[in-house]
Amino acid sequence: MNKKVKGLEKIARIKGVREFLLVDENRVIKAHGAKDPEKKAEYILNCSQKAGSISRSGYQYLLFSRENQNHLLVFPVGTFALGIIQEKGVNSLMLANQVKKVLKDIDFI
């Protein structure tokens, strides 16, 4: 698992990622590059759990469009939730595809 968590450093280097946070189902933060990670861990996990309960087949990612343009993306990663806050002006779909590719490359999905 540590190898995979270390692989998340690649996510931080994706152009357009402002902050990231990986949290487990008990709100334990496994990796982050975020300001105020405890607060963000709570809402990222809540979003992920609610989406998982709504969709029987799961979900690829959630996108929350924010007024300040720093949109939030949430990805299910096994028993974890990965939250990404993107930089302003970044194409959310392109960013989501880049994140999914990195997750696949490090064998997280």
Protein backbone atom coordinates (compact mmCIF):
# COMPACT_ATOMS: atom_id res chain seq x y z
CA MET A 1 0.00 0.00 0.00
CA ASN A 2 2.80 2.47 0.80
CA LYS A 3 4.11 2.13 -2.74
CA LYS A 4 0.72 3.09 -4.11
CA VAL A 5 0.37 6.00 -1.70
CA LYS A 6 3.82 7.24 -2.72
CA GLY A 7 2.68 6.96 -6.33
CA LEU A 8 0.12 9.62 -5.56
CA GLU A 9 2.95 12.14 -5.67
CA LYS A 10 2.47 11.91 -9.44
CA ILE A 11 -1.02 13.33 -8.99
CA ALA A 12 0.36 16.41 -7.28
CA ARG A 13 2.54 17.03 -10.36
CA ILE A 14 -0.35 16.98 -12.83
CA LYS A 15 -0.82 20.43 -14.29
CA GLY A 16 -4.03 21.85 -12.88
CA VAL A 17 -4.01 20.03 -9.51
CA ARG A 18 -4.08 22.67 -6.80
CA GLU A 19 -4.60 20.33 -3.83
CA PHE A 20 -5.14 16.60 -3.30
CA LEU A 21 -6.14 14.38 -0.42
CA LEU A 22 -6.50 10.61 -0.01
CA VAL A 23 -8.69 9.54 2.89
CA ASP A 24 -9.85 6.11 4.07
CA GLU A 25 -13.33 5.09 5.23
CA ASN A 26 -12.44 6.03 8.84
CA ARG A 27 -11.39 9.57 7.85
CA VAL A 28 -7.72 8.70 8.26
CA ILE A 29 -5.70 10.83 5.87
CA LYS A 30 -3.24 8.64 3.96
CA ALA A 31 -1.69 11.31 1.75
CA HIS A 32 -2.28 14.95 1.07
CA GLY A 33 -1.07 18.14 -0.41
CA ALA A 34 -3.90 20.25 0.97
CA LYS A 35 -4.58 23.13 3.29
CA ASP A 36 -6.83 22.21 6.23
CA PRO A 37 -6.82 18.48 5.34
CA GLU A 38 -9.02 17.34 8.26
CA LYS A 39 -11.94 19.51 7.17
CA LYS A 40 -11.56 18.52 3.53
CA ALA A 41 -11.23 14.83 4.43
CA GLU A 42 -14.65 14.95 6.06
CA TYR A 43 -16.51 16.41 3.10
CA ILE A 44 -14.61 14.35 0.51
CA LEU A 45 -15.44 11.14 2.35
CA ASN A 46 -19.08 12.17 2.86
CA CYS A 47 -19.48 12.92 -0.85
CA SER A 48 -17.88 9.63 -1.83
CA GLN A 49 -19.97 7.55 0.56
CA LYS A 50 -23.23 9.18 -0.49
CA ALA A 51 -22.46 8.74 -4.19
CA GLY A 52 -21.57 5.11 -3.56
CA SER A 53 -24.87 4.51 -1.80
CA ILE A 54 -26.87 6.12 -4.62
CA SER A 55 -25.19 4.23 -7.46
CA ARG A 56 -25.26 0.45 -7.25
CA SER A 57 -22.50 0.12 -9.83
CA GLY A 58 -20.30 2.79 -8.29
CA TYR A 59 -19.07 5.93 -9.96
CA GLN A 60 -15.98 7.02 -11.89
CA TYR A 61 -15.68 10.43 -10.27
CA LEU A 62 -17.76 13.31 -8.97
CA LEU A 63 -17.34 16.91 -10.09
CA PHE A 64 -18.51 19.76 -7.90
CA SER A 65 -18.50 23.03 -9.79
CA ARG A 66 -17.55 25.83 -7.43
CA GLU A 67 -18.22 29.52 -7.83
CA ASN A 68 -14.54 30.37 -7.28
CA GLN A 69 -13.61 28.11 -10.25
CA ASN A 70 -11.47 25.82 -8.03
CA HIS A 71 -13.70 22.85 -8.75
CA LEU A 72 -13.63 19.70 -6.62
CA LEU A 73 -13.25 16.23 -8.10
CA VAL A 74 -13.75 13.11 -5.98
CA PHE A 75 -12.58 9.68 -7.15
CA PRO A 76 -13.33 6.31 -5.56
CA VAL A 77 -10.02 4.52 -5.06
CA GLY A 78 -10.72 1.10 -3.56
CA THR A 79 -11.77 1.73 0.03
CA PHE A 80 -10.40 5.28 -0.19
CA ALA A 81 -11.64 8.56 -1.57
CA LEU A 82 -9.32 10.85 -3.50
CA GLY A 83 -10.21 14.52 -3.57
CA ILE A 84 -8.67 16.95 -6.05
CA ILE A 85 -9.13 20.69 -5.99
CA GLN A 86 -8.27 22.03 -9.38
CA GLU A 87 -6.72 25.33 -10.36
CA LYS A 88 -8.86 27.99 -12.01
CA GLY A 89 -9.20 27.78 -15.76
CA VAL A 90 -8.35 24.07 -16.04
CA ASN A 91 -10.55 21.80 -18.14
CA SER A 92 -12.15 19.49 -15.56
CA LEU A 93 -12.73 16.60 -17.97
CA MET A 94 -9.12 16.63 -19.15
CA LEU A 95 -7.90 16.79 -15.55
CA ALA A 96 -10.16 13.90 -14.52
CA ASN A 97 -8.81 11.79 -17.39
CA GLN A 98 -5.21 12.56 -16.41
CA VAL A 99 -5.91 11.62 -12.79
CA LYS A 100 -7.60 8.37 -13.84
CA LYS A 101 -4.59 7.51 -16.01
CA VAL A 102 -2.16 8.05 -13.12
CA LEU A 103 -4.36 5.98 -10.79
CA LYS A 104 -4.37 3.19 -13.36
CA ASP A 105 -0.60 3.47 -13.91
CA ILE A 106 0.08 3.06 -10.18
CA ASP A 107 -2.42 0.22 -10.06
CA PHE A 108 -4.90 2.01 -7.77
CA ILE A 109 -7.86 1.36 -10.07
